């Protein structure tokens, strides 16, 4: 799951600058800051 969205960002040229991931109540939550927020949102 984590690899799918993070690889998609990379394939579109979005660089993850800072990152944190953890599991809470059966879901994985990932917080991150990127170099291109508008492109990451797309």
ModelCIF file with pLDDT and N, C-alpha, C, O atoms, coordinates in Angstrom:
data_MODEL
#
_entry.id   MODEL 
#
_entity.id                         1 
_entity.type                       polymer 
_entity.pdbx_number_of_molecules   1 
#
_entity_poly.entity_id                      1 
_entity_poly.type                           'polypeptide(L)' 
_entity_poly.nstd_linkage                   no 
_entity_poly.nstd_monomer                   no 
_entity_poly.pdbx_seq_one_letter_code       
;(UNK)(UNK)(UNK)(UNK)(UNK)(UNK)(UNK)(UNK)(UNK)(UNK)(UNK)(UNK)(UNK)(UNK)(UNK)(UNK)
(UNK)(UNK)(UNK)(UNK)(UNK)(UNK)(UNK)(UNK)(UNK)(UNK)(UNK)(UNK)(UNK)(UNK)(UNK)(UNK)
(UNK)(UNK)(UNK)(UNK)(UNK)(UNK)(UNK)(UNK)(UNK)(UNK)
;
_entity_poly.pdbx_seq_one_letter_code_can   XXXXXXXXXXXXXXXXXXXXXXXXXXXXXXXXXXXXXXXXXX 
_entity_poly.pdbx_strand_id                 A 
#
loop_
_entity_poly_seq.entity_id 
_entity_poly_seq.num 
_entity_poly_seq.mon_id 
_entity_poly_seq.hetero 
1 1  UNK n 
1 2  UNK n 
1 3  UNK n 
1 4  UNK n 
1 5  UNK n 
1 6  UNK n 
1 7  UNK n 
1 8  UNK n 
1 9  UNK n 
1 10 UNK n 
1 11 UNK n 
1 12 UNK n 
1 13 UNK n 
1 14 UNK n 
1 15 UNK n 
1 16 UNK n 
1 17 UNK n 
1 18 UNK n 
1 19 UNK n 
1 20 UNK n 
1 21 UNK n 
1 22 UNK n 
1 23 UNK n 
1 24 UNK n 
1 25 UNK n 
1 26 UNK n 
1 27 UNK n 
1 28 UNK n 
1 29 UNK n 
1 30 UNK n 
1 31 UNK n 
1 32 UNK n 
1 33 UNK n 
1 34 UNK n 
1 35 UNK n 
1 36 UNK n 
1 37 UNK n 
1 38 UNK n 
1 39 UNK n 
1 40 UNK n 
1 41 UNK n 
1 42 UNK n 
#
_struct_asym.id          A 
_struct_asym.entity_id   1 
#
loop_
_ma_qa_metric.id 
_ma_qa_metric.mode 
_ma_qa_metric.name 
_ma_qa_metric.software_group_id 
_ma_qa_metric.type 
1 global pLDDT . pLDDT 
2 local  pLDDT . pLDDT 
#
_ma_qa_metric_global.metric_id      1 
_ma_qa_metric_global.metric_value   93.52 
_ma_qa_metric_global.model_id       1 
_ma_qa_metric_global.ordinal_id     1 
#
loop_
_ma_qa_metric_local.label_asym_id 
_ma_qa_metric_local.label_comp_id 
_ma_qa_metric_local.label_seq_id 
_ma_qa_metric_local.metric_id 
_ma_qa_metric_local.metric_value 
_ma_qa_metric_local.model_id 
_ma_qa_metric_local.ordinal_id 
A UNK 1  2 86.00 1 1  
A UNK 2  2 88.00 1 2  
A UNK 3  2 90.00 1 3  
A UNK 4  2 89.00 1 4  
A UNK 5  2 87.00 1 5  
A UNK 6  2 93.00 1 6  
A UNK 7  2 94.00 1 7  
A UNK 8  2 95.00 1 8  
A UNK 9  2 96.00 1 9  
A UNK 10 2 96.00 1 10 
A UNK 11 2 97.00 1 11 
A UNK 12 2 97.00 1 12 
A UNK 13 2 96.00 1 13 
A UNK 14 2 97.00 1 14 
A UNK 15 2 95.00 1 15 
A UNK 16 2 96.00 1 16 
A UNK 17 2 96.00 1 17 
A UNK 18 2 96.00 1 18 
A UNK 19 2 95.00 1 19 
A UNK 20 2 96.00 1 20 
A UNK 21 2 94.00 1 21 
A UNK 22 2 92.00 1 22 
A UNK 23 2 91.00 1 23 
A UNK 24 2 86.00 1 24 
A UNK 25 2 85.00 1 25 
A UNK 26 2 84.00 1 26 
A UNK 27 2 90.00 1 27 
A UNK 28 2 91.00 1 28 
A UNK 29 2 93.00 1 29 
A UNK 30 2 95.00 1 30 
A UNK 31 2 96.00 1 31 
A UNK 32 2 96.00 1 32 
A UNK 33 2 97.00 1 33 
A UNK 34 2 96.00 1 34 
A UNK 35 2 94.00 1 35 
A UNK 36 2 95.00 1 36 
A UNK 37 2 96.00 1 37 
A UNK 38 2 96.00 1 38 
A UNK 39 2 97.00 1 39 
A UNK 40 2 97.00 1 40 
A UNK 41 2 96.00 1 41 
A UNK 42 2 96.00 1 42 
#
loop_
_atom_site.group_PDB 
_atom_site.id 
_atom_site.type_symbol 
_atom_site.label_atom_id 
_atom_site.label_alt_id 
_atom_site.label_comp_id 
_atom_site.label_asym_id 
_atom_site.label_entity_id 
_atom_site.label_seq_id 
_atom_site.pdbx_PDB_ins_code 
_atom_site.Cartn_x 
_atom_site.Cartn_y 
_atom_site.Cartn_z 
_atom_site.occupancy 
_atom_site.B_iso_or_equiv 
_atom_site.pdbx_formal_charge 
_atom_site.auth_seq_id 
_atom_site.auth_comp_id 
_atom_site.auth_asym_id 
_atom_site.auth_atom_id 
_atom_site.pdbx_PDB_model_num 
ATOM 1   N N  . UNK A 1 1  ? 0.820  -1.217 0.000   1.00 86.00 ? 1  UNK A N  1 
ATOM 2   C CA . UNK A 1 1  ? 0.000  0.000  0.000   1.00 86.00 ? 1  UNK A CA 1 
ATOM 3   C C  . UNK A 1 1  ? 0.852  1.265  0.000   1.00 86.00 ? 1  UNK A C  1 
ATOM 4   O O  . UNK A 1 1  ? 0.614  2.178  -0.791  1.00 86.00 ? 1  UNK A O  1 
ATOM 5   N N  . UNK A 1 2  ? 1.823  1.318  0.868   1.00 88.00 ? 2  UNK A N  1 
ATOM 6   C CA . UNK A 1 2  ? 2.696  2.489  0.955   1.00 88.00 ? 2  UNK A CA 1 
ATOM 7   C C  . UNK A 1 2  ? 3.481  2.675  -0.343  1.00 88.00 ? 2  UNK A C  1 
ATOM 8   O O  . UNK A 1 2  ? 3.629  3.795  -0.831  1.00 88.00 ? 2  UNK A O  1 
ATOM 9   N N  . UNK A 1 3  ? 3.975  1.587  -0.889  1.00 90.00 ? 3  UNK A N  1 
ATOM 10  C CA . UNK A 1 3  ? 4.752  1.655  -2.122  1.00 90.00 ? 3  UNK A CA 1 
ATOM 11  C C  . UNK A 1 3  ? 3.959  2.162  -3.306  1.00 90.00 ? 3  UNK A C  1 
ATOM 12  O O  . UNK A 1 3  ? 4.504  2.858  -4.162  1.00 90.00 ? 3  UNK A O  1 
ATOM 13  N N  . UNK A 1 4  ? 2.684  1.826  -3.373  1.00 89.00 ? 4  UNK A N  1 
ATOM 14  C CA . UNK A 1 4  ? 1.858  2.204  -4.518  1.00 89.00 ? 4  UNK A CA 1 
ATOM 15  C C  . UNK A 1 4  ? 1.762  3.713  -4.684  1.00 89.00 ? 4  UNK A C  1 
ATOM 16  O O  . UNK A 1 4  ? 2.041  4.229  -5.766  1.00 89.00 ? 4  UNK A O  1 
ATOM 17  N N  . UNK A 1 5  ? 1.371  4.433  -3.632  1.00 87.00 ? 5  UNK A N  1 
ATOM 18  C CA . UNK A 1 5  ? 1.207  5.875  -3.801  1.00 87.00 ? 5  UNK A CA 1 
ATOM 19  C C  . UNK A 1 5  ? 2.546  6.594  -3.835  1.00 87.00 ? 5  UNK A C  1 
ATOM 20  O O  . UNK A 1 5  ? 2.692  7.582  -4.554  1.00 87.00 ? 5  UNK A O  1 
ATOM 21  N N  . UNK A 1 6  ? 3.528  6.120  -3.073  1.00 93.00 ? 6  UNK A N  1 
ATOM 22  C CA . UNK A 1 6  ? 4.820  6.812  -3.085  1.00 93.00 ? 6  UNK A CA 1 
ATOM 23  C C  . UNK A 1 6  ? 5.534  6.618  -4.421  1.00 93.00 ? 6  UNK A C  1 
ATOM 24  O O  . UNK A 1 6  ? 6.208  7.534  -4.892  1.00 93.00 ? 6  UNK A O  1 
ATOM 25  N N  . UNK A 1 7  ? 5.401  5.457  -5.033  1.00 94.00 ? 7  UNK A N  1 
ATOM 26  C CA . UNK A 1 7  ? 5.978  5.236  -6.362  1.00 94.00 ? 7  UNK A CA 1 
ATOM 27  C C  . UNK A 1 7  ? 5.270  6.089  -7.404  1.00 94.00 ? 7  UNK A C  1 
ATOM 28  O O  . UNK A 1 7  ? 5.912  6.630  -8.303  1.00 94.00 ? 7  UNK A O  1 
ATOM 29  N N  . UNK A 1 8  ? 3.952  6.212  -7.290  1.00 95.00 ? 8  UNK A N  1 
ATOM 30  C CA . UNK A 1 8  ? 3.201  7.058  -8.226  1.00 95.00 ? 8  UNK A CA 1 
ATOM 31  C C  . UNK A 1 8  ? 3.695  8.505  -8.156  1.00 95.00 ? 8  UNK A C  1 
ATOM 32  O O  . UNK A 1 8  ? 3.826  9.165  -9.187  1.00 95.00 ? 8  UNK A O  1 
ATOM 33  N N  . UNK A 1 9  ? 3.967  8.997  -6.950  1.00 96.00 ? 9  UNK A N  1 
ATOM 34  C CA . UNK A 1 9  ? 4.508  10.355 -6.819  1.00 96.00 ? 9  UNK A CA 1 
ATOM 35  C C  . UNK A 1 9  ? 5.846  10.460 -7.547  1.00 96.00 ? 9  UNK A C  1 
ATOM 36  O O  . UNK A 1 9  ? 6.070  11.389 -8.323  1.00 96.00 ? 9  UNK A O  1 
ATOM 37  N N  . UNK A 1 10 ? 6.730  9.501  -7.290  1.00 96.00 ? 10 UNK A N  1 
ATOM 38  C CA . UNK A 1 10 ? 8.046  9.518  -7.917  1.00 96.00 ? 10 UNK A CA 1 
ATOM 39  C C  . UNK A 1 10 ? 7.990  9.431  -9.433  1.00 96.00 ? 10 UNK A C  1 
ATOM 40  O O  . UNK A 1 10 ? 8.763  10.090 -10.128 1.00 96.00 ? 10 UNK A O  1 
ATOM 41  N N  . UNK A 1 11 ? 7.086  8.626  -9.937  1.00 97.00 ? 11 UNK A N  1 
ATOM 42  C CA . UNK A 1 11 ? 6.955  8.481  -11.387 1.00 97.00 ? 11 UNK A CA 1 
ATOM 43  C C  . UNK A 1 11 ? 6.470  9.769  -12.060 1.00 97.00 ? 11 UNK A C  1 
ATOM 44  O O  . UNK A 1 11 ? 6.640  9.951  -13.266 1.00 97.00 ? 11 UNK A O  1 
ATOM 45  N N  . UNK A 1 12 ? 5.871  10.649 -11.276 1.00 97.00 ? 12 UNK A N  1 
ATOM 46  C CA . UNK A 1 12 ? 5.423  11.939 -11.788 1.00 97.00 ? 12 UNK A CA 1 
ATOM 47  C C  . UNK A 1 12 ? 6.384  13.067 -11.404 1.00 97.00 ? 12 UNK A C  1 
ATOM 48  O O  . UNK A 1 12 ? 6.042  14.243 -11.521 1.00 97.00 ? 12 UNK A O  1 
ATOM 49  N N  . UNK A 1 13 ? 7.579  12.708 -10.949 1.00 96.00 ? 13 UNK A N  1 
ATOM 50  C CA . UNK A 1 13 ? 8.605  13.698 -10.656 1.00 96.00 ? 13 UNK A CA 1 
ATOM 51  C C  . UNK A 1 13 ? 8.463  14.409 -9.333  1.00 96.00 ? 13 UNK A C  1 
ATOM 52  O O  . UNK A 1 13 ? 9.118  15.429 -9.117  1.00 96.00 ? 13 UNK A O  1 
ATOM 53  N N  . UNK A 1 14 ? 7.622  13.901 -8.430  1.00 97.00 ? 14 UNK A N  1 
ATOM 54  C CA . UNK A 1 14 ? 7.438  14.521 -7.121  1.00 97.00 ? 14 UNK A CA 1 
ATOM 55  C C  . UNK A 1 14 ? 8.415  13.869 -6.140  1.00 97.00 ? 14 UNK A C  1 
ATOM 56  O O  . UNK A 1 14 ? 8.424  12.649 -5.978  1.00 97.00 ? 14 UNK A O  1 
ATOM 57  N N  . UNK A 1 15 ? 9.226  14.685 -5.499  1.00 95.00 ? 15 UNK A N  1 
ATOM 58  C CA . UNK A 1 15 ? 10.220 14.196 -4.544  1.00 95.00 ? 15 UNK A CA 1 
ATOM 59  C C  . UNK A 1 15 ? 9.682  14.341 -3.115  1.00 95.00 ? 15 UNK A C  1 
ATOM 60  O O  . UNK A 1 15 ? 9.267  15.426 -2.710  1.00 95.00 ? 15 UNK A O  1 
ATOM 61  N N  . UNK A 1 16 ? 9.692  13.251 -2.366  1.00 96.00 ? 16 UNK A N  1 
ATOM 62  C CA . UNK A 1 16 ? 9.301  13.291 -0.956  1.00 96.00 ? 16 UNK A CA 1 
ATOM 63  C C  . UNK A 1 16 ? 10.516 13.754 -0.158  1.00 96.00 ? 16 UNK A C  1 
ATOM 64  O O  . UNK A 1 16 ? 11.556 13.094 -0.166  1.00 96.00 ? 16 UNK A O  1 
ATOM 65  N N  . UNK A 1 17 ? 10.386 14.893 0.535   1.00 96.00 ? 17 UNK A N  1 
ATOM 66  C CA . UNK A 1 17 ? 11.494 15.487 1.275   1.00 96.00 ? 17 UNK A CA 1 
ATOM 67  C C  . UNK A 1 17 ? 11.554 15.025 2.722   1.00 96.00 ? 17 UNK A C  1 
ATOM 68  O O  . UNK A 1 17 ? 12.641 14.866 3.277   1.00 96.00 ? 17 UNK A O  1 
ATOM 69  N N  . UNK A 1 18 ? 10.400 14.807 3.336   1.00 96.00 ? 18 UNK A N  1 
ATOM 70  C CA . UNK A 1 18 ? 10.319 14.346 4.726   1.00 96.00 ? 18 UNK A CA 1 
ATOM 71  C C  . UNK A 1 18 ? 9.129  13.408 4.815   1.00 96.00 ? 18 UNK A C  1 
ATOM 72  O O  . UNK A 1 18 ? 8.130  13.586 4.118   1.00 96.00 ? 18 UNK A O  1 
ATOM 73  N N  . UNK A 1 19 ? 9.246  12.401 5.685   1.00 95.00 ? 19 UNK A N  1 
ATOM 74  C CA . UNK A 1 19 ? 8.268  11.329 5.655   1.00 95.00 ? 19 UNK A CA 1 
ATOM 75  C C  . UNK A 1 19 ? 8.140  10.654 7.015   1.00 95.00 ? 19 UNK A C  1 
ATOM 76  O O  . UNK A 1 19 ? 9.116  10.505 7.750   1.00 95.00 ? 19 UNK A O  1 
ATOM 77  N N  . UNK A 1 20 ? 6.917  10.251 7.332   1.00 96.00 ? 20 UNK A N  1 
ATOM 78  C CA . UNK A 1 20 ? 6.619  9.486  8.539   1.00 96.00 ? 20 UNK A CA 1 
ATOM 79  C C  . UNK A 1 20 ? 5.462  8.550  8.210   1.00 96.00 ? 20 UNK A C  1 
ATOM 80  O O  . UNK A 1 20 ? 4.511  8.950  7.539   1.00 96.00 ? 20 UNK A O  1 
ATOM 81  N N  . UNK A 1 21 ? 5.537  7.315  8.676   1.00 94.00 ? 21 UNK A N  1 
ATOM 82  C CA . UNK A 1 21 ? 4.455  6.369  8.452   1.00 94.00 ? 21 UNK A CA 1 
ATOM 83  C C  . UNK A 1 21 ? 4.233  5.560  9.720   1.00 94.00 ? 21 UNK A C  1 
ATOM 84  O O  . UNK A 1 21 ? 5.182  5.238  10.435  1.00 94.00 ? 21 UNK A O  1 
ATOM 85  N N  . UNK A 1 22 ? 2.979  5.235  9.994   1.00 92.00 ? 22 UNK A N  1 
ATOM 86  C CA . UNK A 1 22 ? 2.644  4.441  11.172  1.00 92.00 ? 22 UNK A CA 1 
ATOM 87  C C  . UNK A 1 22 ? 1.274  3.799  10.968  1.00 92.00 ? 22 UNK A C  1 
ATOM 88  O O  . UNK A 1 22 ? 0.490  4.228  10.121  1.00 92.00 ? 22 UNK A O  1 
ATOM 89  N N  . UNK A 1 23 ? 1.006  2.774  11.752  1.00 91.00 ? 23 UNK A N  1 
ATOM 90  C CA . UNK A 1 23 ? -0.271 2.068  11.681  1.00 91.00 ? 23 UNK A CA 1 
ATOM 91  C C  . UNK A 1 23 ? -1.123 2.487  12.868  1.00 91.00 ? 23 UNK A C  1 
ATOM 92  O O  . UNK A 1 23 ? -0.651 2.575  14.002  1.00 91.00 ? 23 UNK A O  1 
ATOM 93  N N  . UNK A 1 24 ? -2.401 2.745  12.572  1.00 86.00 ? 24 UNK A N  1 
ATOM 94  C CA . UNK A 1 24 ? -3.348 3.140  13.612  1.00 86.00 ? 24 UNK A CA 1 
ATOM 95  C C  . UNK A 1 24 ? -4.698 2.531  13.266  1.00 86.00 ? 24 UNK A C  1 
ATOM 96  O O  . UNK A 1 24 ? -5.263 2.822  12.212  1.00 86.00 ? 24 UNK A O  1 
ATOM 97  N N  . UNK A 1 25 ? -5.210 1.693  14.147  1.00 85.00 ? 25 UNK A N  1 
ATOM 98  C CA . UNK A 1 25 ? -6.529 1.088  13.997  1.00 85.00 ? 25 UNK A CA 1 
ATOM 99  C C  . UNK A 1 25 ? -6.726 0.404  12.637  1.00 85.00 ? 25 UNK A C  1 
ATOM 100 O O  . UNK A 1 25 ? -7.749 0.599  11.982  1.00 85.00 ? 25 UNK A O  1 
ATOM 101 N N  . UNK A 1 26 ? -5.755 -0.386 12.224  1.00 84.00 ? 26 UNK A N  1 
ATOM 102 C CA . UNK A 1 26 ? -5.888 -1.169 11.006  1.00 84.00 ? 26 UNK A CA 1 
ATOM 103 C C  . UNK A 1 26 ? -5.630 -0.429 9.709   1.00 84.00 ? 26 UNK A C  1 
ATOM 104 O O  . UNK A 1 26 ? -5.782 -1.001 8.629   1.00 84.00 ? 26 UNK A O  1 
ATOM 105 N N  . UNK A 1 27 ? -5.243 0.827  9.798   1.00 90.00 ? 27 UNK A N  1 
ATOM 106 C CA . UNK A 1 27 ? -4.919 1.603  8.613   1.00 90.00 ? 27 UNK A CA 1 
ATOM 107 C C  . UNK A 1 27 ? -3.494 2.126  8.737   1.00 90.00 ? 27 UNK A C  1 
ATOM 108 O O  . UNK A 1 27 ? -3.001 2.362  9.840   1.00 90.00 ? 27 UNK A O  1 
ATOM 109 N N  . UNK A 1 28 ? -2.854 2.300  7.619   1.00 91.00 ? 28 UNK A N  1 
ATOM 110 C CA . UNK A 1 28 ? -1.527 2.888  7.585   1.00 91.00 ? 28 UNK A CA 1 
ATOM 111 C C  . UNK A 1 28 ? -1.671 4.359  7.241   1.00 91.00 ? 28 UNK A C  1 
ATOM 112 O O  . UNK A 1 28 ? -2.322 4.714  6.258   1.00 91.00 ? 28 UNK A O  1 
ATOM 113 N N  . UNK A 1 29 ? -1.071 5.202  8.041   1.00 93.00 ? 29 UNK A N  1 
ATOM 114 C CA . UNK A 1 29 ? -1.093 6.645  7.799   1.00 93.00 ? 29 UNK A CA 1 
ATOM 115 C C  . UNK A 1 29 ? 0.318  7.089  7.439   1.00 93.00 ? 29 UNK A C  1 
ATOM 116 O O  . UNK A 1 29 ? 1.281  6.728  8.115   1.00 93.00 ? 29 UNK A O  1 
ATOM 117 N N  . UNK A 1 30 ? 0.433  7.854  6.397   1.00 95.00 ? 30 UNK A N  1 
ATOM 118 C CA . UNK A 1 30 ? 1.723  8.386  5.974   1.00 95.00 ? 30 UNK A CA 1 
ATOM 119 C C  . UNK A 1 30 ? 1.619  9.900  5.900   1.00 95.00 ? 30 UNK A C  1 
ATOM 120 O O  . UNK A 1 30 ? 0.748  10.442 5.220   1.00 95.00 ? 30 UNK A O  1 
ATOM 121 N N  . UNK A 1 31 ? 2.513  10.574 6.605   1.00 96.00 ? 31 UNK A N  1 
ATOM 122 C CA . UNK A 1 31 ? 2.606  12.034 6.530   1.00 96.00 ? 31 UNK A CA 1 
ATOM 123 C C  . UNK A 1 31 ? 3.871  12.353 5.751   1.00 96.00 ? 31 UNK A C  1 
ATOM 124 O O  . UNK A 1 31 ? 4.907  11.718 5.944   1.00 96.00 ? 31 UNK A O  1 
ATOM 125 N N  . UNK A 1 32 ? 3.779  13.338 4.874   1.00 96.00 ? 32 UNK A N  1 
ATOM 126 C CA . UNK A 1 32 ? 4.977  13.702 4.137   1.00 96.00 ? 32 UNK A CA 1 
ATOM 127 C C  . UNK A 1 32 ? 4.902  15.114 3.578   1.00 96.00 ? 32 UNK A C  1 
ATOM 128 O O  . UNK A 1 32 ? 3.825  15.677 3.386   1.00 96.00 ? 32 UNK A O  1 
ATOM 129 N N  . UNK A 1 33 ? 6.085  15.667 3.324   1.00 97.00 ? 33 UNK A N  1 
ATOM 130 C CA . UNK A 1 33 ? 6.264  16.968 2.695   1.00 97.00 ? 33 UNK A CA 1 
ATOM 131 C C  . UNK A 1 33 ? 6.994  16.709 1.384   1.00 97.00 ? 33 UNK A C  1 
ATOM 132 O O  . UNK A 1 33 ? 7.954  15.939 1.343   1.00 97.00 ? 33 UNK A O  1 
ATOM 133 N N  . UNK A 1 34 ? 6.539  17.350 0.319   1.00 96.00 ? 34 UNK A N  1 
ATOM 134 C CA . UNK A 1 34 ? 7.116  17.136 -1.014  1.00 96.00 ? 34 UNK A CA 1 
ATOM 135 C C  . UNK A 1 34 ? 7.637  18.449 -1.597  1.00 96.00 ? 34 UNK A C  1 
ATOM 136 O O  . UNK A 1 34 ? 7.364  19.534 -1.082  1.00 96.00 ? 34 UNK A O  1 
ATOM 137 N N  . UNK A 1 35 ? 8.388  18.318 -2.676  1.00 94.00 ? 35 UNK A N  1 
ATOM 138 C CA . UNK A 1 35 ? 8.916  19.510 -3.342  1.00 94.00 ? 35 UNK A CA 1 
ATOM 139 C C  . UNK A 1 35 ? 7.886  20.198 -4.231  1.00 94.00 ? 35 UNK A C  1 
ATOM 140 O O  . UNK A 1 35 ? 8.018  21.389 -4.511  1.00 94.00 ? 35 UNK A O  1 
ATOM 141 N N  . UNK A 1 36 ? 6.862  19.474 -4.681  1.00 95.00 ? 36 UNK A N  1 
ATOM 142 C CA . UNK A 1 36 ? 5.844  20.049 -5.562  1.00 95.00 ? 36 UNK A CA 1 
ATOM 143 C C  . UNK A 1 36 ? 4.441  19.665 -5.075  1.00 95.00 ? 36 UNK A C  1 
ATOM 144 O O  . UNK A 1 36 ? 3.849  18.707 -5.573  1.00 95.00 ? 36 UNK A O  1 
ATOM 145 N N  . UNK A 1 37 ? 3.910  20.419 -4.096  1.00 96.00 ? 37 UNK A N  1 
ATOM 146 C CA . UNK A 1 37 ? 2.603  20.070 -3.519  1.00 96.00 ? 37 UNK A CA 1 
ATOM 147 C C  . UNK A 1 37 ? 1.454  20.031 -4.521  1.00 96.00 ? 37 UNK A C  1 
ATOM 148 O O  . UNK A 1 37 ? 0.601  19.147 -4.430  1.00 96.00 ? 37 UNK A O  1 
ATOM 149 N N  . UNK A 1 38 ? 1.405  20.956 -5.467  1.00 96.00 ? 38 UNK A N  1 
ATOM 150 C CA . UNK A 1 38 ? 0.292  20.969 -6.433  1.00 96.00 ? 38 UNK A CA 1 
ATOM 151 C C  . UNK A 1 38 ? 0.306  19.705 -7.292  1.00 96.00 ? 38 UNK A C  1 
ATOM 152 O O  . UNK A 1 38 ? -0.741 19.112 -7.552  1.00 96.00 ? 38 UNK A O  1 
ATOM 153 N N  . UNK A 1 39 ? 1.486  19.302 -7.725  1.00 97.00 ? 39 UNK A N  1 
ATOM 154 C CA . UNK A 1 39 ? 1.595  18.094 -8.544  1.00 97.00 ? 39 UNK A CA 1 
ATOM 155 C C  . UNK A 1 39 ? 1.270  16.864 -7.698  1.00 97.00 ? 39 UNK A C  1 
ATOM 156 O O  . UNK A 1 39 ? 0.639  15.925 -8.185  1.00 97.00 ? 39 UNK A O  1 
ATOM 157 N N  . UNK A 1 40 ? 1.702  16.864 -6.426  1.00 97.00 ? 40 UNK A N  1 
ATOM 158 C CA . UNK A 1 40 ? 1.396  15.739 -5.535  1.00 97.00 ? 40 UNK A CA 1 
ATOM 159 C C  . UNK A 1 40 ? -0.106 15.591 -5.367  1.00 97.00 ? 40 UNK A C  1 
ATOM 160 O O  . UNK A 1 40 ? -0.621 14.473 -5.356  1.00 97.00 ? 40 UNK A O  1 
ATOM 161 N N  . UNK A 1 41 ? -0.809 16.698 -5.237  1.00 96.00 ? 41 UNK A N  1 
ATOM 162 C CA . UNK A 1 41 ? -2.258 16.646 -5.082  1.00 96.00 ? 41 UNK A CA 1 
ATOM 163 C C  . UNK A 1 41 ? -2.906 16.030 -6.324  1.00 96.00 ? 41 UNK A C  1 
ATOM 164 O O  . UNK A 1 41 ? -3.829 15.224 -6.205  1.00 96.00 ? 41 UNK A O  1 
ATOM 165 N N  . UNK A 1 42 ? -2.435 16.400 -7.494  1.00 96.00 ? 42 UNK A N  1 
ATOM 166 C CA . UNK A 1 42 ? -2.964 15.820 -8.734  1.00 96.00 ? 42 UNK A CA 1 
ATOM 167 C C  . UNK A 1 42 ? -2.749 14.308 -8.766  1.00 96.00 ? 42 UNK A C  1 
ATOM 168 O O  . UNK A 1 42 ? -3.131 13.651 -9.734  1.00 96.00 ? 42 UNK A O  1 
#
